[in-house]
Amino acid sequence: MVALERQVAGGWLVIDEQRDWRRLAACKGPYSELFFPPVATERKEDKHAREADAKAICAECVVVNDCLDHAISVEESHGIWGGMNELERRMYVAKQAVMIR
């Protein structure tokens, strides 16, 4: 990705898009609650529907790979990140480890 420059008071601010990928994320906005479980208990069918809706947004996102890389690097344990839920990310990491061997 490319570094961007933005004029700010006193000069220019260089924004590294790789580090600032979140500003381009499709999950921002009114549907962000789809990406994390509610505070109250969630029925299995409701969880699957919520996750499917979140993953559909991820499928259209231009930074889905950056998002997944971030979630894996910080070992994110909750929510949909990069089009995957917690279990899917753990399985993905395990599969990548086996492929490296």
Foldseek 3Di string as FASTA:
>chain_A
DDWDWDADPPGIDIHDCLVVVVVQFQCPDDLVVLFFDDPDDDDPVRVVVSLVVVLVSLVPGPCLVSFLVVCLVVVPQTTATSSDGNVVSVVVVVVVVVVVD
